[in-house]
Amino acid sequence: MEDEGLQKVSKRLGITSRDILEKAAEFQRLLEVRNCSLPLTSMAKPVICLEIAAHSSQVPVDKRVAIRLSGMNKKSYIDAFKIIECLLEQQKEFTISDLAVQFGCMEASNLGQRIYER
């Protein structure tokens, strides 16, 4: 998808930053170079690349709108998002505190940190 199409999708997602648009375009080029042959709709790759670029810049994106724009169902979109995120090496790194919050055991956070530092 050309940059003009990427701009149209970004407006519908509420992304106005030029930096994010450029990063998303670069992610799309990287996917083409890495020969990503996922069975995605024509809109899915630009939407996913924009969402990943926005996340890397700490800009929130409405996941429901992204899924709707991609033309995919929720499960397929999330699976494709994770695959593309790994291909682009943009996975979020978790800290022990993040995991403690996720699993609801904040009291184990300090102990986990001490064990990790050994």
PDB file of N, CA and C in Angstrom:
ATOM      1  N   MET A   1       0.851  -1.175   0.000  1.00  0.00           N
ATOM      2  CA  MET A   1       0.000   0.000   0.000  1.00  0.00           C
ATOM      3  C   MET A   1       0.890   1.230   0.000  1.00  0.00           C
ATOM      4  N   GLU A   2       0.579   2.183  -0.808  1.00  0.00           N
ATOM      5  CA  GLU A   2       1.389   3.380  -0.909  1.00  0.00           C
ATOM      6  C   GLU A   2       1.207   4.266   0.322  1.00  0.00           C
ATOM      7  N   ASP A   3       2.095   5.282   0.449  1.00  0.00           N
ATOM      8  CA  ASP A   3       2.055   6.173   1.602  1.00  0.00           C
ATOM      9  C   ASP A   3       0.736   6.920   1.717  1.00  0.00           C
ATOM     10  N   GLU A   4       0.103   7.233   0.584  1.00  0.00           N
ATOM     11  CA  GLU A   4      -1.184   7.928   0.616  1.00  0.00           C
ATOM     12  C   GLU A   4      -2.229   7.056   1.326  1.00  0.00           C
ATOM     13  N   GLY A   5      -2.225   5.773   1.012  1.00  0.00           N
ATOM     14  CA  GLY A   5      -3.142   4.840   1.672  1.00  0.00           C
ATOM     15  C   GLY A   5      -2.842   4.711   3.149  1.00  0.00           C
ATOM     16  N   LEU A   6      -1.569   4.716   3.485  1.00  0.00           N
ATOM     17  CA  LEU A   6      -1.161   4.642   4.881  1.00  0.00           C
ATOM     18  C   LEU A   6      -1.661   5.874   5.642  1.00  0.00           C
ATOM     19  N   GLN A   7      -1.611   7.025   5.000  1.00  0.00           N
ATOM     20  CA  GLN A   7      -2.101   8.257   5.627  1.00  0.00           C
ATOM     21  C   GLN A   7      -3.607   8.202   5.859  1.00  0.00           C
ATOM     22  N   LYS A   8      -4.350   7.645   4.898  1.00  0.00           N
ATOM     23  CA  LYS A   8      -5.802   7.534   5.069  1.00  0.00           C
ATOM     24  C   LYS A   8      -6.138   6.621   6.252  1.00  0.00           C
ATOM     25  N   VAL A   9      -5.440   5.503   6.330  1.00  0.00           N
ATOM     26  CA  VAL A   9      -5.676   4.569   7.436  1.00  0.00           C
ATOM     27  C   VAL A   9      -5.296   5.224   8.759  1.00  0.00           C
ATOM     28  N   SER A  10      -4.190   5.970   8.767  1.00  0.00           N
ATOM     29  CA  SER A  10      -3.741   6.603  10.012  1.00  0.00           C
ATOM     30  C   SER A  10      -4.758   7.623  10.512  1.00  0.00           C
ATOM     31  N   LYS A  11      -5.377   8.345   9.601  1.00  0.00           N
ATOM     32  CA  LYS A  11      -6.404   9.318  10.013  1.00  0.00           C
ATOM     33  C   LYS A  11      -7.589   8.609  10.660  1.00  0.00           C
ATOM     34  N   ARG A  12      -7.962   7.462  10.106  1.00  0.00           N
ATOM     35  CA  ARG A  12      -9.101   6.721  10.669  1.00  0.00           C
ATOM     36  C   ARG A  12      -8.751   6.122  12.023  1.00  0.00           C
ATOM     37  N   LEU A  13      -7.452   5.866  12.252  1.00  0.00           N
ATOM     38  CA  LEU A  13      -7.007   5.363  13.553  1.00  0.00           C
ATOM     39  C   LEU A  13      -6.731   6.494  14.540  1.00  0.00           C
ATOM     40  N   GLY A  14      -6.744   7.730  14.050  1.00  0.00           N
ATOM     41  CA  GLY A  14      -6.485   8.879  14.911  1.00  0.00           C
ATOM     42  C   GLY A  14      -5.007   9.154  15.126  1.00  0.00           C
ATOM     43  N   ILE A  15      -4.167   8.685  14.207  1.00  0.00           N
ATOM     44  CA  ILE A  15      -2.721   8.900  14.312  1.00  0.00           C
ATOM     45  C   ILE A  15      -2.354  10.039  13.368  1.00  0.00           C
ATOM     46  N   THR A  16      -1.772  11.107  13.929  1.00  0.00           N
ATOM     47  CA  THR A  16      -1.431  12.272  13.121  1.00  0.00           C
ATOM     48  C   THR A  16       0.063  12.549  13.059  1.00  0.00           C
ATOM     49  N   SER A  17       0.843  11.871  13.864  1.00  0.00           N
ATOM     50  CA  SER A  17       2.279  12.118  13.941  1.00  0.00           C
ATOM     51  C   SER A  17       2.997  11.659  12.678  1.00  0.00           C
ATOM     52  N   ARG A  18       3.788  12.534  12.120  1.00  0.00           N
ATOM     53  CA  ARG A  18       4.570  12.217  10.916  1.00  0.00           C
ATOM     54  C   ARG A  18       5.613  11.141  11.226  1.00  0.00           C
ATOM     55  N   ASP A  19       6.189  11.185  12.437  1.00  0.00           N
ATOM     56  CA  ASP A  19       7.189  10.189  12.840  1.00  0.00           C
ATOM     57  C   ASP A  19       6.600   8.782  12.834  1.00  0.00           C
ATOM     58  N   ILE A  20       5.376   8.654  13.331  1.00  0.00           N
ATOM     59  CA  ILE A  20       4.725   7.340  13.377  1.00  0.00           C
ATOM     60  C   ILE A  20       4.422   6.855  11.963  1.00  0.00           C
ATOM     61  N   LEU A  21       3.976   7.757  11.105  1.00  0.00           N
ATOM     62  CA  LEU A  21       3.716   7.386   9.708  1.00  0.00           C
ATOM     63  C   LEU A  21       4.990   6.892   9.021  1.00  0.00           C
ATOM     64  N   GLU A  22       6.078   7.582   9.244  1.00  0.00           N
ATOM     65  CA  GLU A  22       7.347   7.175   8.638  1.00  0.00           C
ATOM     66  C   GLU A  22       7.814   5.824   9.175  1.00  0.00           C
ATOM     67  N   LYS A  23       7.636   5.629  10.481  1.00  0.00           N
ATOM     68  CA  LYS A  23       8.026   4.360  11.092  1.00  0.00           C
ATOM     69  C   LYS A  23       7.162   3.219  10.554  1.00  0.00           C
ATOM     70  N   ALA A  24       5.874   3.464  10.396  1.00  0.00           N
ATOM     71  CA  ALA A  24       4.969   2.442   9.866  1.00  0.00           C
ATOM     72  C   ALA A  24       5.333   2.095   8.419  1.00  0.00           C
ATOM     73  N   ALA A  25       5.681   3.121   7.633  1.00  0.00           N
ATOM     74  CA  ALA A  25       6.093   2.873   6.242  1.00  0.00           C
ATOM     75  C   ALA A  25       7.370   2.043   6.206  1.00  0.00           C
ATOM     76  N   GLU A  26       8.281   2.328   7.123  1.00  0.00           N
ATOM     77  CA  GLU A  26       9.512   1.542   7.204  1.00  0.00           C
ATOM     78  C   GLU A  26       9.212   0.098   7.606  1.00  0.00           C
ATOM     79  N   PHE A  27       8.288  -0.093   8.539  1.00  0.00           N
ATOM     80  CA  PHE A  27       7.891  -1.450   8.937  1.00  0.00           C
ATOM     81  C   PHE A  27       7.301  -2.212   7.753  1.00  0.00           C
ATOM     82  N   GLN A  28       6.493  -1.526   6.943  1.00  0.00           N
ATOM     83  CA  GLN A  28       5.917  -2.177   5.754  1.00  0.00           C
ATOM     84  C   GLN A  28       7.009  -2.603   4.780  1.00  0.00           C
ATOM     85  N   ARG A  29       7.996  -1.737   4.574  1.00  0.00           N
ATOM     86  CA  ARG A  29       9.106  -2.085   3.686  1.00  0.00           C
ATOM     87  C   ARG A  29       9.890  -3.274   4.234  1.00  0.00           C
ATOM     88  N   LEU A  30      10.105  -3.294   5.551  1.00  0.00           N
ATOM     89  CA  LEU A  30      10.815  -4.418   6.169  1.00  0.00           C
ATOM     90  C   LEU A  30      10.060  -5.728   5.974  1.00  0.00           C
ATOM     91  N   LEU A  31       8.739  -5.677   6.092  1.00  0.00           N
ATOM     92  CA  LEU A  31       7.937  -6.881   5.878  1.00  0.00           C
ATOM     93  C   LEU A  31       8.068  -7.386   4.445  1.00  0.00           C
ATOM     94  N   GLU A  32       8.100  -6.461   3.499  1.00  0.00           N
ATOM     95  CA  GLU A  32       8.265  -6.862   2.102  1.00  0.00           C
ATOM     96  C   GLU A  32       9.642  -7.482   1.873  1.00  0.00           C
ATOM     97  N   VAL A  33      10.671  -6.899   2.479  1.00  0.00           N
ATOM     98  CA  VAL A  33      12.030  -7.410   2.328  1.00  0.00           C
ATOM     99  C   VAL A  33      12.163  -8.788   2.970  1.00  0.00           C
ATOM    100  N   ARG A  34      11.531  -8.963   4.106  1.00  0.00           N
ATOM    101  CA  ARG A  34      11.605 -10.245   4.814  1.00  0.00           C
ATOM    102  C   ARG A  34      10.649 -11.276   4.223  1.00  0.00           C
ATOM    103  N   ASN A  35       9.992 -10.917   3.144  1.00  0.00           N
ATOM    104  CA  ASN A  35       9.123 -11.824   2.404  1.00  0.00           C
ATOM    105  C   ASN A  35       8.036 -12.439   3.285  1.00  0.00           C
ATOM    106  N   CYS A  36       7.348 -11.567   3.989  1.00  0.00           N
ATOM    107  CA  CYS A  36       6.251 -11.988   4.867  1.00  0.00           C
ATOM    108  C   CYS A  36       5.068 -12.421   4.005  1.00  0.00           C
ATOM    109  N   SER A  37       4.787 -13.709   3.993  1.00  0.00           N
ATOM    110  CA  SER A  37       3.711 -14.221   3.141  1.00  0.00           C
ATOM    111  C   SER A  37       2.511 -14.676   3.973  1.00  0.00           C
ATOM    112  N   LEU A  38       2.121 -13.861   4.918  1.00  0.00           N
ATOM    113  CA  LEU A  38       0.935 -14.165   5.715  1.00  0.00           C
ATOM    114  C   LEU A  38      -0.316 -13.907   4.881  1.00  0.00           C
ATOM    115  N   PRO A  39      -1.326 -14.736   5.044  1.00  0.00           N
ATOM    116  CA  PRO A  39      -2.572 -14.503   4.302  1.00  0.00           C
ATOM    117  C   PRO A  39      -3.394 -13.379   4.955  1.00  0.00           C
ATOM    118  N   LEU A  40      -3.049 -12.137   4.621  1.00  0.00           N
ATOM    119  CA  LEU A  40      -3.697 -10.971   5.214  1.00  0.00           C
ATOM    120  C   LEU A  40      -4.477 -10.204   4.158  1.00  0.00           C
ATOM    121  N   THR A  41      -5.467  -9.459   4.616  1.00  0.00           N
ATOM    122  CA  THR A  41      -6.196  -8.585   3.706  1.00  0.00           C
ATOM    123  C   THR A  41      -5.276  -7.437   3.290  1.00  0.00           C
ATOM    124  N   SER A  42      -5.649  -6.722   2.251  1.00  0.00           N
ATOM    125  CA  SER A  42      -4.808  -5.626   1.757  1.00  0.00           C
ATOM    126  C   SER A  42      -4.683  -4.500   2.791  1.00  0.00           C
ATOM    127  N   MET A  43      -5.635  -4.396   3.685  1.00  0.00           N
ATOM    128  CA  MET A  43      -5.604  -3.346   4.701  1.00  0.00           C
ATOM    129  C   MET A  43      -4.920  -3.790   5.986  1.00  0.00           C
ATOM    130  N   ALA A  44      -4.773  -5.081   6.200  1.00  0.00           N
ATOM    131  CA  ALA A  44      -4.274  -5.580   7.476  1.00  0.00           C
ATOM    132  C   ALA A  44      -2.828  -5.177   7.744  1.00  0.00           C
ATOM    133  N   LYS A  45      -1.949  -5.341   6.753  1.00  0.00           N
ATOM    134  CA  LYS A  45      -0.535  -4.999   6.978  1.00  0.00           C
ATOM    135  C   LYS A  45      -0.337  -3.532   7.354  1.00  0.00           C
ATOM    136  N   PRO A  46      -0.931  -2.575   6.616  1.00  0.00           N
ATOM    137  CA  PRO A  46      -0.741  -1.176   7.012  1.00  0.00           C
ATOM    138  C   PRO A  46      -1.323  -0.868   8.393  1.00  0.00           C
ATOM    139  N   VAL A  47      -2.469  -1.459   8.707  1.00  0.00           N
ATOM    140  CA  VAL A  47      -3.082  -1.211  10.017  1.00  0.00           C
ATOM    141  C   VAL A  47      -2.185  -1.753  11.129  1.00  0.00           C
ATOM    142  N   ILE A  48      -1.691  -2.970  10.953  1.00  0.00           N
ATOM    143  CA  ILE A  48      -0.823  -3.580  11.972  1.00  0.00           C
ATOM    144  C   ILE A  48       0.483  -2.803  12.090  1.00  0.00           C
ATOM    145  N   CYS A  49       1.068  -2.409  10.961  1.00  0.00           N
ATOM    146  CA  CYS A  49       2.313  -1.635  11.004  1.00  0.00           C
ATOM    147  C   CYS A  49       2.103  -0.291  11.708  1.00  0.00           C
ATOM    148  N   LEU A  50       0.975   0.342  11.447  1.00  0.00           N
ATOM    149  CA  LEU A  50       0.670   1.602  12.139  1.00  0.00           C
ATOM    150  C   LEU A  50       0.500   1.387  13.636  1.00  0.00           C
ATOM    151  N   GLU A  51      -0.181   0.314  14.005  1.00  0.00           N
ATOM    152  CA  GLU A  51      -0.380   0.059  15.432  1.00  0.00           C
ATOM    153  C   GLU A  51       0.951  -0.228  16.125  1.00  0.00           C
ATOM    154  N   ILE A  52       1.812  -1.007  15.499  1.00  0.00           N
ATOM    155  CA  ILE A  52       3.115  -1.304  16.091  1.00  0.00           C
ATOM    156  C   ILE A  52       3.955  -0.032  16.197  1.00  0.00           C
ATOM    157  N   ALA A  53       3.931   0.801  15.158  1.00  0.00           N
ATOM    158  CA  ALA A  53       4.668   2.068  15.192  1.00  0.00           C
ATOM    159  C   ALA A  53       4.139   2.982  16.295  1.00  0.00           C
ATOM    160  N   ALA A  54       2.826   3.017  16.459  1.00  0.00           N
ATOM    161  CA  ALA A  54       2.230   3.849  17.505  1.00  0.00           C
ATOM    162  C   ALA A  54       2.622   3.337  18.894  1.00  0.00           C
ATOM    163  N   HIS A  55       2.585   2.009  19.071  1.00  0.00           N
ATOM    164  CA  HIS A  55       2.974   1.440  20.367  1.00  0.00           C
ATOM    165  C   HIS A  55       4.431   1.754  20.691  1.00  0.00           C
ATOM    166  N   SER A  56       5.293   1.703  19.690  1.00  0.00           N
ATOM    167  CA  SER A  56       6.712   1.980  19.945  1.00  0.00           C
ATOM    168  C   SER A  56       6.943   3.440  20.322  1.00  0.00           C
ATOM    169  N   SER A  57       6.002   4.311  19.972  1.00  0.00           N
ATOM    170  CA  SER A  57       6.082   5.729  20.331  1.00  0.00           C
ATOM    171  C   SER A  57       5.171   6.071  21.509  1.00  0.00           C
ATOM    172  N   GLN A  58       4.627   5.066  22.175  1.00  0.00           N
ATOM    173  CA  GLN A  58       3.710   5.226  23.301  1.00  0.00           C
ATOM    174  C   GLN A  58       2.469   6.052  22.964  1.00  0.00           C
ATOM    175  N   VAL A  59       1.953   5.873  21.752  1.00  0.00           N
ATOM    176  CA  VAL A  59       0.717   6.530  21.334  1.00  0.00           C
ATOM    177  C   VAL A  59      -0.386   5.469  21.344  1.00  0.00           C
ATOM    178  N   PRO A  60      -1.466   5.713  22.106  1.00  0.00           N
ATOM    179  CA  PRO A  60      -2.529   4.703  22.183  1.00  0.00           C
ATOM    180  C   PRO A  60      -3.321   4.598  20.880  1.00  0.00           C
ATOM    181  N   VAL A  61      -3.720   3.360  20.572  1.00  0.00           N
ATOM    182  CA  VAL A  61      -4.540   3.078  19.397  1.00  0.00           C
ATOM    183  C   VAL A  61      -5.728   2.241  19.847  1.00  0.00           C
ATOM    184  N   ASP A  62      -6.909   2.577  19.363  1.00  0.00           N
ATOM    185  CA  ASP A  62      -8.101   1.808  19.686  1.00  0.00           C
ATOM    186  C   ASP A  62      -8.058   0.489  18.921  1.00  0.00           C
ATOM    187  N   LYS A  63      -7.855  -0.600  19.645  1.00  0.00           N
ATOM    188  CA  LYS A  63      -7.703  -1.925  19.037  1.00  0.00           C
ATOM    189  C   LYS A  63      -8.958  -2.318  18.263  1.00  0.00           C
ATOM    190  N   ARG A  64     -10.141  -1.949  18.766  1.00  0.00           N
ATOM    191  CA  ARG A  64     -11.384  -2.302  18.068  1.00  0.00           C
ATOM    192  C   ARG A  64     -11.465  -1.648  16.695  1.00  0.00           C
ATOM    193  N   VAL A  65     -11.052  -0.387  16.616  1.00  0.00           N
ATOM    194  CA  VAL A  65     -11.063   0.322  15.335  1.00  0.00           C
ATOM    195  C   VAL A  65     -10.043  -0.318  14.393  1.00  0.00           C
ATOM    196  N   ALA A  66      -8.865  -0.654  14.926  1.00  0.00           N
ATOM    197  CA  ALA A  66      -7.823  -1.284  14.103  1.00  0.00           C
ATOM    198  C   ALA A  66      -8.312  -2.613  13.532  1.00  0.00           C
ATOM    199  N   ILE A  67      -8.963  -3.405  14.357  1.00  0.00           N
ATOM    200  CA  ILE A  67      -9.474  -4.702  13.900  1.00  0.00           C
ATOM    201  C   ILE A  67     -10.525  -4.501  12.808  1.00  0.00           C
ATOM    202  N   ARG A  68     -11.416  -3.538  13.020  1.00  0.00           N
ATOM    203  CA  ARG A  68     -12.462  -3.268  12.030  1.00  0.00           C
ATOM    204  C   ARG A  68     -11.856  -2.798  10.707  1.00  0.00           C
ATOM    205  N   LEU A  69     -10.859  -1.914  10.780  1.00  0.00           N
ATOM    206  CA  LEU A  69     -10.220  -1.406   9.563  1.00  0.00           C
ATOM    207  C   LEU A  69      -9.448  -2.492   8.818  1.00  0.00           C
ATOM    208  N   SER A  70      -8.918  -3.455   9.560  1.00  0.00           N
ATOM    209  CA  SER A  70      -8.122  -4.508   8.923  1.00  0.00           C
ATOM    210  C   SER A  70      -8.975  -5.471   8.104  1.00  0.00           C
ATOM    211  N   GLY A  71     -10.264  -5.560   8.425  1.00  0.00           N
ATOM    212  CA  GLY A  71     -11.142  -6.488   7.719  1.00  0.00           C
ATOM    213  C   GLY A  71     -10.990  -7.919   8.191  1.00  0.00           C
ATOM    214  N   MET A  72     -10.374  -8.107   9.346  1.00  0.00           N
ATOM    215  CA  MET A  72     -10.149  -9.447   9.883  1.00  0.00           C
ATOM    216  C   MET A  72     -10.988  -9.618  11.147  1.00  0.00           C
ATOM    217  N   ASN A  73     -11.144 -10.885  11.573  1.00  0.00           N
ATOM    218  CA  ASN A  73     -11.796 -11.088  12.863  1.00  0.00           C
ATOM    219  C   ASN A  73     -10.756 -10.880  13.966  1.00  0.00           C
ATOM    220  N   LYS A  74     -11.218 -10.770  15.198  1.00  0.00           N
ATOM    221  CA  LYS A  74     -10.349 -10.404  16.313  1.00  0.00           C
ATOM    222  C   LYS A  74      -9.199 -11.394  16.508  1.00  0.00           C
ATOM    223  N   LYS A  75      -9.505 -12.687  16.513  1.00  0.00           N
ATOM    224  CA  LYS A  75      -8.467 -13.690  16.753  1.00  0.00           C
ATOM    225  C   LYS A  75      -7.412 -13.675  15.657  1.00  0.00           C
ATOM    226  N   SER A  76      -7.831 -13.604  14.408  1.00  0.00           N
ATOM    227  CA  SER A  76      -6.893 -13.567  13.282  1.00  0.00           C
ATOM    228  C   SER A  76      -6.020 -12.321  13.344  1.00  0.00           C
ATOM    229  N   TYR A  77      -6.629 -11.194  13.693  1.00  0.00           N
ATOM    230  CA  TYR A  77      -5.877  -9.945  13.779  1.00  0.00           C
ATOM    231  C   TYR A  77      -4.814 -10.031  14.864  1.00  0.00           C
ATOM    232  N   ILE A  78      -5.200 -10.507  16.031  1.00  0.00           N
ATOM    233  CA  ILE A  78      -4.252 -10.596  17.145  1.00  0.00           C
ATOM    234  C   ILE A  78      -3.122 -11.568  16.817  1.00  0.00           C
ATOM    235  N   ASP A  79      -3.446 -12.694  16.193  1.00  0.00           N
ATOM    236  CA  ASP A  79      -2.408 -13.645  15.788  1.00  0.00           C
ATOM    237  C   ASP A  79      -1.453 -13.017  14.777  1.00  0.00           C
ATOM    238  N   ALA A  80      -2.008 -12.351  13.766  1.00  0.00           N
ATOM    239  CA  ALA A  80      -1.177 -11.700  12.749  1.00  0.00           C
ATOM    240  C   ALA A  80      -0.343 -10.584  13.367  1.00  0.00           C
ATOM    241  N   PHE A  81      -0.931  -9.844  14.304  1.00  0.00           N
ATOM    242  CA  PHE A  81      -0.223  -8.764  14.984  1.00  0.00           C
ATOM    243  C   PHE A  81       1.008  -9.315  15.710  1.00  0.00           C
ATOM    244  N   LYS A  82       0.825 -10.409  16.445  1.00  0.00           N
ATOM    245  CA  LYS A  82       1.941 -11.005  17.189  1.00  0.00           C
ATOM    246  C   LYS A  82       3.023 -11.522  16.252  1.00  0.00           C
ATOM    247  N   ILE A  83       2.628 -12.144  15.151  1.00  0.00           N
ATOM    248  CA  ILE A  83       3.605 -12.661  14.181  1.00  0.00           C
ATOM    249  C   ILE A  83       4.403 -11.512  13.569  1.00  0.00           C
ATOM    250  N   ILE A  84       3.710 -10.470  13.131  1.00  0.00           N
ATOM    251  CA  ILE A  84       4.391  -9.337  12.514  1.00  0.00           C
ATOM    252  C   ILE A  84       5.268  -8.609  13.528  1.00  0.00           C
ATOM    253  N   GLU A  85       4.789  -8.507  14.750  1.00  0.00           N
ATOM    254  CA  GLU A  85       5.570  -7.879  15.814  1.00  0.00           C
ATOM    255  C   GLU A  85       6.889  -8.636  16.015  1.00  0.00           C
ATOM    256  N   CYS A  86       6.839  -9.958  15.978  1.00  0.00           N
ATOM    257  CA  CYS A  86       8.052 -10.773  16.112  1.00  0.00           C
ATOM    258  C   CYS A  86       8.954 -10.623  14.891  1.00  0.00           C
ATOM    259  N   LEU A  87       8.369 -10.626  13.691  1.00  0.00           N
ATOM    260  CA  LEU A  87       9.160 -10.453  12.468  1.00  0.00           C
ATOM    261  C   LEU A  87       9.901  -9.121  12.455  1.00  0.00           C
ATOM    262  N   LEU A  88       9.255  -8.101  12.994  1.00  0.00           N
ATOM    263  CA  LEU A  88       9.863  -6.766  13.037  1.00  0.00           C
ATOM    264  C   LEU A  88      10.715  -6.552  14.283  1.00  0.00           C
ATOM    265  N   GLU A  89      10.771  -7.576  15.131  1.00  0.00           N
ATOM    266  CA  GLU A  89      11.538  -7.527  16.382  1.00  0.00           C
ATOM    267  C   GLU A  89      11.101  -6.350  17.251  1.00  0.00           C
ATOM    268  N   GLN A  90       9.798  -6.192  17.418  1.00  0.00           N
ATOM    269  CA  GLN A  90       9.229  -5.096  18.202  1.00  0.00           C
ATOM    270  C   GLN A  90       8.444  -5.581  19.417  1.00  0.00           C
ATOM    271  N   GLN A  91       8.711  -6.822  19.881  1.00  0.00           N
ATOM    272  CA  GLN A  91       7.977  -7.341  21.020  1.00  0.00           C
ATOM    273  C   GLN A  91       8.296  -6.513  22.270  1.00  0.00           C
ATOM    274  N   LYS A  92       7.309  -6.348  23.098  1.00  0.00           N
ATOM    275  CA  LYS A  92       7.486  -5.616  24.336  1.00  0.00           C
ATOM    276  C   LYS A  92       8.222  -6.502  25.331  1.00  0.00           C
ATOM    277  N   GLU A  93       9.204  -5.931  25.994  1.00  0.00           N
ATOM    278  CA  GLU A  93       9.916  -6.665  27.032  1.00  0.00           C
ATOM    279  C   GLU A  93       9.212  -6.419  28.359  1.00  0.00           C
ATOM    280  N   PHE A  94       8.986  -7.478  29.092  1.00  0.00           N
ATOM    281  CA  PHE A  94       8.282  -7.381  30.363  1.00  0.00           C
ATOM    282  C   PHE A  94       9.270  -7.332  31.513  1.00  0.00           C
ATOM    283  N   THR A  95       8.932  -6.553  32.532  1.00  0.00           N
ATOM    284  CA  THR A  95       9.720  -6.527  33.757  1.00  0.00           C
ATOM    285  C   THR A  95       9.038  -7.430  34.776  1.00  0.00           C
ATOM    286  N   ILE A  96       9.727  -7.690  35.841  1.00  0.00           N
ATOM    287  CA  ILE A  96       9.144  -8.509  36.910  1.00  0.00           C
ATOM    288  C   ILE A  96       7.927  -7.799  37.495  1.00  0.00           C
ATOM    289  N   SER A  97       7.981  -6.496  37.597  1.00  0.00           N
ATOM    290  CA  SER A  97       6.833  -5.734  38.105  1.00  0.00           C
ATOM    291  C   SER A  97       5.626  -5.873  37.180  1.00  0.00           C
ATOM    292  N   ASP A  98       5.856  -5.831  35.852  1.00  0.00           N
ATOM    293  CA  ASP A  98       4.762  -6.017  34.887  1.00  0.00           C
ATOM    294  C   ASP A  98       4.098  -7.371  35.079  1.00  0.00           C
ATOM    295  N   LEU A  99       4.923  -8.406  35.234  1.00  0.00           N
ATOM    296  CA  LEU A  99       4.385  -9.753  35.404  1.00  0.00           C
ATOM    297  C   LEU A  99       3.640  -9.886  36.730  1.00  0.00           C
ATOM    298  N   ALA A 100       4.163  -9.240  37.790  1.00  0.00           N
ATOM    299  CA  ALA A 100       3.494  -9.295  39.088  1.00  0.00           C
ATOM    300  C   ALA A 100       2.113  -8.641  39.011  1.00  0.00           C
ATOM    301  N   VAL A 101       2.011  -7.536  38.309  1.00  0.00           N
ATOM    302  CA  VAL A 101       0.714  -6.867  38.142  1.00  0.00           C
ATOM    303  C   VAL A 101      -0.220  -7.753  37.333  1.00  0.00           C
ATOM    304  N   GLN A 102       0.288  -8.338  36.254  1.00  0.00           N
ATOM    305  CA  GLN A 102      -0.536  -9.180  35.385  1.00  0.00           C
ATOM    306  C   GLN A 102      -1.105 -10.373  36.133  1.00  0.00           C
ATOM    307  N   PHE A 103      -0.299 -10.975  37.012  1.00  0.00           N
ATOM    308  CA  PHE A 103      -0.742 -12.173  37.723  1.00  0.00           C
ATOM    309  C   PHE A 103      -1.276 -11.871  39.119  1.00  0.00           C
ATOM    310  N   GLY A 104      -1.343 -10.586  39.483  1.00  0.00           N
ATOM    311  CA  GLY A 104      -1.957 -10.193  40.748  1.00  0.00           C
ATOM    312  C   GLY A 104      -1.189 -10.622  41.982  1.00  0.00           C
ATOM    313  N   CYS A 105       0.126 -10.603  41.915  1.00  0.00           N
ATOM    314  CA  CYS A 105       0.929 -10.999  43.079  1.00  0.00           C
ATOM    315  C   CYS A 105       2.046  -9.987  43.303  1.00  0.00           C
ATOM    316  N   MET A 106       1.653  -8.767  43.580  1.00  0.00           N
ATOM    317  CA  MET A 106       2.623  -7.683  43.772  1.00  0.00           C
ATOM    318  C   MET A 106       3.589  -7.948  44.913  1.00  0.00           C
ATOM    319  N   GLU A 107       3.136  -8.665  45.937  1.00  0.00           N
ATOM    320  CA  GLU A 107       4.020  -8.947  47.067  1.00  0.00           C
ATOM    321  C   GLU A 107       5.208  -9.815  46.667  1.00  0.00           C
ATOM    322  N   ALA A 108       5.109 -10.551  45.589  1.00  0.00           N
ATOM    323  CA  ALA A 108       6.201 -11.405  45.117  1.00  0.00           C
ATOM    324  C   ALA A 108       7.169 -10.649  44.206  1.00  0.00           C
ATOM    325  N   SER A 109       6.845  -9.417  43.873  1.00  0.00           N
ATOM    326  CA  SER A 109       7.670  -8.648  42.951  1.00  0.00           C
ATOM    327  C   SER A 109       9.078  -8.421  43.486  1.00  0.00           C
ATOM    328  N   ASN A 110       9.191  -7.992  44.762  1.00  0.00           N
ATOM    329  CA  ASN A 110      10.511  -7.731  45.345  1.00  0.00           C
ATOM    330  C   ASN A 110      11.338  -9.006  45.437  1.00  0.00           C
ATOM    331  N   LEU A 111      10.711 -10.091  45.869  1.00  0.00           N
ATOM    332  CA  LEU A 111      11.405 -11.374  45.953  1.00  0.00           C
ATOM    333  C   LEU A 111      11.874 -11.819  44.571  1.00  0.00           C
ATOM    334  N   GLY A 112      11.021 -11.691  43.582  1.00  0.00           N
ATOM    335  CA  GLY A 112      11.374 -12.059  42.216  1.00  0.00           C
ATOM    336  C   GLY A 112      12.538 -11.231  41.696  1.00  0.00           C
ATOM    337  N   GLN A 113      12.551  -9.940  42.016  1.00  0.00           N
ATOM    338  CA  GLN A 113      13.632  -9.061  41.584  1.00  0.00           C
ATOM    339  C   GLN A 113      14.951  -9.475  42.233  1.00  0.00           C
ATOM    340  N   ARG A 114      14.908  -9.802  43.529  1.00  0.00           N
ATOM    341  CA  ARG A 114      16.142 -10.226  44.228  1.00  0.00           C
ATOM    342  C   ARG A 114      16.671 -11.529  43.639  1.00  0.00           C
ATOM    343  N   ILE A 115      15.780 -12.466  43.348  1.00  0.00           N
ATOM    344  CA  ILE A 115      16.208 -13.748  42.776  1.00  0.00           C
ATOM    345  C   ILE A 115      16.792 -13.534  41.387  1.00  0.00           C
ATOM    346  N   TYR A 116      16.172 -12.674  40.615  1.00  0.00           N
ATOM    347  CA  TYR A 116      16.654 -12.396  39.253  1.00  0.00           C
ATOM    348  C   TYR A 116      18.054 -11.769  39.266  1.00  0.00           C
ATOM    349  N   GLU A 117      18.324 -10.919  40.252  1.00  0.00           N
ATOM    350  CA  GLU A 117      19.610 -10.232  40.307  1.00  0.00           C
ATOM    351  C   GLU A 117      20.755 -11.116  40.769  1.00  0.00           C
ATOM    352  N   ARG A 118      20.485 -12.298  41.276  1.00  0.00           N
ATOM    353  CA  ARG A 118      21.554 -13.204  41.745  1.00  0.00           C
ATOM    354  C   ARG A 118      22.395 -13.676  40.636  1.00  0.00           C
TER     355      ARG A 118
END
